[in-house]
């Protein structure tokens, strides 16, 4: 009976911590969603102001946009064309992010609904356990309570760290893909500069399009990783600086239209992604180390509690 109650309490306390985390995430997502919707609206308004060019260019992928202008590759883009293409890139990026944030907010609300009565469930389980201990093992009560509380805390820490590890791996995967695509764009760009022709130009811009998609996914993964790190840092002494994480993609999207036609911009962007991947790898390694320690502590506490119950 003791073990069943302790297991239930550990599970309930873990859910209570999850509820607090989901409440924070819901608030953060709501604020970010409002900001991104406003940003999307601003870029849509700018696109409407350039409706003639929008009719011609909207709906094309980034690679197709560049390909459509391939006949002008040796000419400077007009200011109007540059503004339309820039606005489309910004609008598409904001729209993609809005859709993702809406899905994440729906998921947060669903998770909160699953644990909305968790506090009353914990109180009921605690009262049942208190009565049982007082009735059968009053001398055991203090020690067992201490172990139970420590185990619940360790279990919650291990779970949060595990989620942070998974989020970090997702970031690494996205950045590795971006690095790969940019590397390919760099190689094709070099060939293009040596006179590779229309095919090499089209392939290069196709790789740029794929890199943009990978960078967008990395940006979303970074947002989730930062949220998980915020949960972990409440209880784990990992010294991590993440303030710049969620702004690095601006480097790619600001001046994207005009600058990425230049080979040097691809090289600079590749170096930026490689640098960011190295930073995330270091942070992810620290989190994974803490996760392994938390798992070891949890197993030790479980063995001690089981032994105490069995020998009572």
Protein backbone atom coordinates (compact mmCIF):
# COMPACT_ATOMS: atom_id res chain seq x y z
CA UNK A 1 0.00 0.00 0.00
CA UNK A 2 2.86 2.39 0.85
CA UNK A 3 4.57 1.82 -2.46
CA UNK A 4 1.36 2.36 -4.42
CA UNK A 5 0.70 5.65 -2.62
CA UNK A 6 4.27 6.86 -3.02
CA UNK A 7 4.27 6.07 -6.71
CA UNK A 8 1.00 7.92 -7.16
CA UNK A 9 2.27 10.98 -5.27
CA UNK A 10 5.50 11.10 -7.26
CA UNK A 11 3.48 11.00 -10.47
CA UNK A 12 1.06 13.69 -9.27
CA UNK A 13 3.84 16.04 -8.15
CA UNK A 14 5.55 15.64 -11.48
CA UNK A 15 2.29 16.60 -13.20
CA UNK A 16 1.94 19.65 -10.94
CA UNK A 17 5.34 20.88 -12.11
CA UNK A 18 4.34 20.18 -15.68
CA UNK A 19 1.21 22.26 -15.15
CA UNK A 20 3.26 25.22 -13.91
CA UNK A 21 5.57 24.87 -16.92
CA UNK A 22 2.64 24.71 -19.36
CA UNK A 23 1.04 27.77 -17.74
CA UNK A 24 4.24 29.73 -18.28
CA UNK A 25 4.53 28.46 -21.81
CA UNK A 26 0.92 29.37 -22.59
CA UNK A 27 1.54 32.96 -21.51
CA UNK A 28 4.78 33.22 -23.46
CA UNK A 29 3.24 31.73 -26.60
CA UNK A 30 0.24 34.05 -26.42
CA UNK A 31 2.51 37.10 -26.25
CA UNK A 32 4.77 35.87 -29.04
CA UNK A 33 1.76 34.97 -31.22
CA UNK A 34 0.29 38.45 -30.82
CA UNK A 35 3.61 40.00 -31.80
CA UNK A 36 4.04 37.76 -34.84
CA UNK A 37 0.47 38.35 -36.04
CA UNK A 38 1.11 42.07 -35.90
CA UNK A 39 4.37 41.62 -37.80
CA UNK A 40 2.65 39.46 -40.43
CA UNK A 41 -0.01 42.15 -40.87
CA UNK A 42 2.59 44.83 -41.42
CA UNK A 43 4.31 42.88 -44.17
CA UNK A 44 0.98 41.99 -45.79
CA UNK A 45 0.11 45.69 -45.86
CA UNK A 46 3.39 46.44 -47.57
CA UNK A 47 2.73 43.72 -50.12
CA UNK A 48 -0.72 45.14 -50.85
CA UNK A 49 0.89 48.51 -51.48
CA UNK A 50 2.91 46.86 -54.25
CA UNK A 51 0.00 44.86 -55.67
CA UNK A 52 1.15 44.87 -59.28
CA UNK A 53 4.42 43.13 -58.50
CA UNK A 54 2.73 40.93 -55.90
CA UNK A 55 0.40 39.55 -58.59
CA UNK A 56 3.45 38.57 -60.60
CA UNK A 57 5.66 37.20 -57.83
CA UNK A 58 3.53 36.06 -54.87
CA UNK A 59 3.17 32.31 -54.63
CA UNK A 60 6.62 31.49 -55.91
CA UNK A 61 9.24 29.85 -53.73
CA UNK A 62 12.41 31.73 -52.94
CA UNK A 63 14.34 29.70 -55.49
CA UNK A 64 11.69 30.36 -58.15
CA UNK A 65 11.78 34.08 -57.40
CA UNK A 66 15.50 34.20 -58.03
CA UNK A 67 15.08 32.05 -61.13
CA UNK A 68 12.39 34.42 -62.44
CA UNK A 69 14.93 37.22 -62.26
CA UNK A 70 17.77 35.18 -63.72
CA UNK A 71 17.77 37.22 -66.89
CA UNK A 72 18.70 40.21 -64.77
CA UNK A 73 21.48 38.52 -62.85
CA UNK A 74 24.05 40.92 -64.19
CA UNK A 75 21.86 43.94 -63.49
CA UNK A 76 20.97 45.61 -60.24
CA UNK A 77 17.43 44.89 -59.04
CA UNK A 78 15.13 47.88 -59.08
CA UNK A 79 14.21 49.35 -55.72
CA UNK A 80 10.59 48.27 -56.27
CA UNK A 81 11.54 44.67 -57.03
CA UNK A 82 13.85 44.54 -54.04
CA UNK A 83 11.13 45.85 -51.71
CA UNK A 84 8.53 43.38 -52.99
CA UNK A 85 10.83 40.39 -52.68
CA UNK A 86 12.01 41.48 -49.25
CA UNK A 87 8.42 41.97 -48.07
CA UNK A 88 7.41 38.55 -49.39
CA UNK A 89 10.27 36.86 -47.56
CA UNK A 90 9.39 38.62 -44.33
CA UNK A 91 5.65 37.95 -44.72
CA UNK A 92 6.20 34.25 -45.46
CA UNK A 93 8.53 33.86 -42.49
CA UNK A 94 6.04 35.59 -40.16
CA UNK A 95 3.13 33.53 -41.53
CA UNK A 96 5.01 30.26 -41.00
CA UNK A 97 5.86 31.28 -37.45
CA UNK A 98 2.25 32.30 -36.70
CA UNK A 99 1.00 28.88 -37.81
CA UNK A 100 3.55 27.11 -35.64
CA UNK A 101 2.82 29.29 -32.61
CA UNK A 102 -0.92 28.68 -32.99
CA UNK A 103 -0.33 24.93 -32.99
CA UNK A 104 1.98 25.18 -29.97
CA UNK A 105 -0.58 27.29 -28.08
CA UNK A 106 -3.34 24.77 -28.80
CA UNK A 107 -1.08 22.01 -27.51
CA UNK A 108 -0.30 23.98 -24.33
CA UNK A 109 -4.00 24.49 -23.65
CA UNK A 110 -4.69 20.80 -24.24
CA UNK A 111 -1.93 19.80 -21.82
CA UNK A 112 -3.25 22.21 -19.19
CA UNK A 113 -6.70 20.71 -19.53
CA UNK A 114 -5.29 17.28 -18.69
CA UNK A 115 -3.91 18.47 -15.32
CA UNK A 116 -6.42 21.15 -14.29
CA UNK A 117 -7.42 19.26 -11.09
CA UNK A 118 -3.92 18.13 -10.11
CA UNK A 119 -3.70 20.14 -6.86
CA UNK A 120 -6.82 18.54 -5.41
CA UNK A 121 -5.59 15.10 -6.50
CA UNK A 122 -2.31 15.67 -4.63
CA UNK A 123 -4.10 16.76 -1.46
CA UNK A 124 -6.34 13.69 -1.54
CA UNK A 125 -3.37 11.35 -1.97
CA UNK A 126 -1.41 13.06 0.81
CA UNK A 127 -4.30 12.75 3.22
CA UNK A 128 -4.72 9.06 2.42
CA UNK A 129 -1.02 8.45 2.95
CA UNK A 130 -0.94 10.41 6.21
CA UNK A 131 -3.76 8.34 7.69
CA UNK A 132 -2.12 5.09 6.64
CA UNK A 133 1.29 5.96 8.10
CA UNK A 134 -0.14 7.24 11.38
CA UNK A 135 -2.23 4.12 11.75
CA UNK A 136 0.40 1.53 10.97
CA UNK A 137 3.95 2.97 11.08
CA UNK A 138 4.13 6.26 13.03
CA UNK A 139 7.90 5.95 13.56
CA UNK A 140 8.47 5.56 9.83
CA UNK A 141 6.51 8.62 8.80
CA UNK A 142 9.24 11.29 8.83
CA UNK A 143 11.90 9.28 7.01
CA UNK A 144 9.52 7.96 4.39
CA UNK A 145 8.09 11.42 3.74
CA UNK A 146 11.58 12.83 3.23
CA UNK A 147 12.54 10.14 0.75
CA UNK A 148 9.25 10.48 -1.11
CA UNK A 149 9.65 14.22 -1.48
CA UNK A 150 13.24 13.89 -2.67
CA UNK A 151 12.30 11.22 -5.18
CA UNK A 152 9.44 13.30 -6.59
CA UNK A 153 11.79 16.25 -6.98
CA UNK A 154 14.47 14.13 -8.65
CA UNK A 155 11.93 12.56 -11.00
CA UNK A 156 10.61 15.95 -12.08
CA UNK A 157 14.16 17.25 -12.62
CA UNK A 158 15.09 14.21 -14.71
CA UNK A 159 11.99 14.62 -16.87
CA UNK A 160 12.61 18.32 -17.49
CA UNK A 161 16.24 17.65 -18.35
CA UNK A 162 15.23 14.86 -20.71
CA UNK A 163 12.88 17.25 -22.52
CA UNK A 164 15.66 19.84 -22.75
CA UNK A 165 18.03 17.22 -24.19
CA UNK A 166 15.47 16.30 -26.87
CA UNK A 167 14.90 19.96 -27.73
CA UNK A 168 18.64 20.54 -28.02
CA UNK A 169 19.02 17.60 -30.38
CA UNK A 170 16.24 19.00 -32.57
CA UNK A 171 18.10 22.31 -32.83
CA UNK A 172 21.31 20.53 -33.76
CA UNK A 173 19.57 18.54 -36.50
CA UNK A 174 18.06 21.69 -38.03
CA UNK A 175 21.35 23.59 -37.91
CA UNK A 176 23.23 20.67 -39.42
CA UNK A 177 20.79 20.63 -42.34
CA UNK A 178 21.15 24.39 -42.79
CA UNK A 179 24.93 24.02 -42.75
CA UNK A 180 24.76 21.25 -45.32
CA UNK A 181 22.48 23.23 -47.64
CA UNK A 182 24.58 26.38 -47.35
CA UNK A 183 27.71 24.37 -48.05
CA UNK A 184 26.10 23.04 -51.19
CA UNK A 185 24.99 26.54 -52.20
CA UNK A 186 28.56 27.75 -51.69
CA UNK A 187 29.96 25.03 -53.95
CA UNK A 188 27.39 25.64 -56.68
CA UNK A 189 27.93 29.38 -56.33
CA UNK A 190 31.64 28.97 -56.96
CA UNK A 191 30.87 26.91 -60.06
CA UNK A 192 28.33 29.53 -61.14
CA UNK A 193 30.89 32.32 -60.84
CA UNK A 194 33.22 30.34 -63.07
CA UNK A 195 30.58 30.30 -65.80
CA UNK A 196 28.42 27.36 -64.82
CA UNK A 197 25.37 28.77 -66.57
CA UNK A 198 21.65 28.71 -65.86
CA UNK A 199 21.58 25.21 -64.35
CA UNK A 200 24.21 25.96 -61.71
CA UNK A 201 22.47 29.24 -60.88
CA UNK A 202 19.13 27.49 -60.46
CA UNK A 203 20.65 24.76 -58.29
CA UNK A 204 22.43 27.35 -56.14
CA UNK A 205 19.22 29.24 -55.46
CA UNK A 206 17.40 25.98 -54.81
CA UNK A 207 19.93 25.21 -52.10
CA UNK A 208 19.46 28.72 -50.69
CA UNK A 209 15.71 28.07 -50.55
CA UNK A 210 16.32 24.82 -48.68
CA UNK A 211 18.74 26.56 -46.32
CA UNK A 212 16.13 29.21 -45.55
CA UNK A 213 13.64 26.48 -44.65
CA UNK A 214 16.19 24.77 -42.42
CA UNK A 215 17.01 28.06 -40.70
CA UNK A 216 13.32 28.63 -40.06
CA UNK A 217 13.02 25.18 -38.47
CA UNK A 218 16.13 25.90 -36.41
CA UNK A 219 14.55 29.13 -35.23
CA UNK A 220 11.43 27.28 -34.07
CA UNK A 221 13.55 24.59 -32.40
CA UNK A 222 15.62 27.27 -30.66
CA UNK A 223 12.46 28.81 -29.25
CA UNK A 224 11.41 25.45 -27.79
CA UNK A 225 14.94 24.78 -26.52
CA UNK A 226 15.05 28.12 -24.73
CA UNK A 227 11.72 27.34 -23.05
CA UNK A 228 13.00 23.96 -21.87
CA UNK A 229 16.22 25.55 -20.60
CA UNK A 230 14.21 28.09 -18.63
CA UNK A 231 12.44 25.20 -16.86
CA UNK A 232 15.70 23.39 -16.16
CA UNK A 233 17.54 26.42 -14.81
CA UNK A 234 15.10 26.75 -11.95
CA UNK A 235 16.62 23.74 -10.28
CA UNK A 236 19.87 22.86 -12.03
CA UNK A 237 23.08 24.85 -11.78
CA UNK A 238 23.89 25.07 -15.49
CA UNK A 239 25.36 28.42 -16.45
CA UNK A 240 23.98 29.10 -19.91
CA UNK A 241 23.74 32.35 -21.83
CA UNK A 242 20.94 32.16 -24.39
CA UNK A 243 19.93 35.78 -24.81
CA UNK A 244 21.11 35.97 -28.42
CA UNK A 245 19.66 32.68 -29.55
CA UNK A 246 16.32 33.78 -30.84
CA UNK A 247 17.59 36.72 -32.88
CA UNK A 248 20.30 35.10 -34.97
CA UNK A 249 17.98 34.29 -37.90
CA UNK A 250 17.53 38.01 -38.55
CA UNK A 251 21.04 37.87 -39.96
CA UNK A 252 19.77 35.71 -42.79
CA UNK A 253 16.53 37.50 -43.54
CA UNK A 254 17.69 41.12 -43.36
CA UNK A 255 19.04 42.09 -46.75
CA UNK A 256 18.37 38.56 -47.98
CA UNK A 257 17.26 39.50 -51.47
CA UNK A 258 20.13 41.69 -52.55
CA UNK A 259 23.01 40.30 -50.52
CA UNK A 260 22.58 36.57 -51.07
CA UNK A 261 23.16 37.01 -54.77
CA UNK A 262 26.75 37.76 -53.76
CA UNK A 263 28.84 34.67 -53.06
CA UNK A 264 30.44 36.27 -50.03
CA UNK A 265 27.07 36.46 -48.30
CA UNK A 266 26.66 32.70 -48.58
CA UNK A 267 30.12 32.22 -47.09
CA UNK A 268 29.35 34.57 -44.21
CA UNK A 269 26.04 32.85 -43.54
CA UNK A 270 27.67 29.44 -43.53
CA UNK A 271 30.19 30.63 -40.96
CA UNK A 272 27.38 32.07 -38.84
CA UNK A 273 25.44 28.79 -38.83
CA UNK A 274 28.58 26.80 -38.02
CA UNK A 275 29.33 29.09 -35.10
CA UNK A 276 25.79 28.85 -33.76
CA UNK A 277 25.85 25.06 -34.05
CA UNK A 278 29.05 24.92 -31.99
CA UNK A 279 27.44 27.06 -29.28
CA UNK A 280 24.32 24.88 -29.13
CA UNK A 281 26.44 21.72 -29.06
CA UNK A 282 28.23 22.98 -25.95
CA UNK A 283 24.98 23.86 -24.19
CA UNK A 284 23.34 20.56 -25.18
CA UNK A 285 26.32 18.62 -23.84
CA UNK A 286 26.05 20.39 -20.47
CA UNK A 287 22.33 19.64 -20.26
CA UNK A 288 22.85 15.99 -21.17
CA UNK A 289 25.51 15.65 -18.46
CA UNK A 290 23.11 17.06 -15.88
CA UNK A 291 20.36 14.74 -17.12
CA UNK A 292 22.54 11.67 -16.60
CA UNK A 293 23.35 12.84 -13.06
CA UNK A 294 19.66 13.39 -12.33
CA UNK A 295 18.77 9.91 -13.60
CA UNK A 296 21.45 8.35 -11.37
CA UNK A 297 20.17 10.27 -8.34
CA UNK A 298 16.60 9.20 -9.08
CA UNK A 299 17.54 5.52 -9.25
CA UNK A 300 19.43 5.77 -5.95
CA UNK A 301 16.45 7.35 -4.19
CA UNK A 302 14.08 4.74 -5.60
CA UNK A 303 16.24 1.93 -4.27
CA UNK A 304 16.42 3.55 -0.82
CA UNK A 305 12.68 4.08 -0.65
CA UNK A 306 11.90 0.56 -1.77
CA UNK A 307 14.28 -0.86 0.81
CA UNK A 308 12.67 1.24 3.56
CA UNK A 309 9.19 0.07 2.65
CA UNK A 310 10.21 -3.56 2.28
CA UNK A 311 11.97 -3.58 5.65
CA UNK A 312 9.23 -1.70 7.54
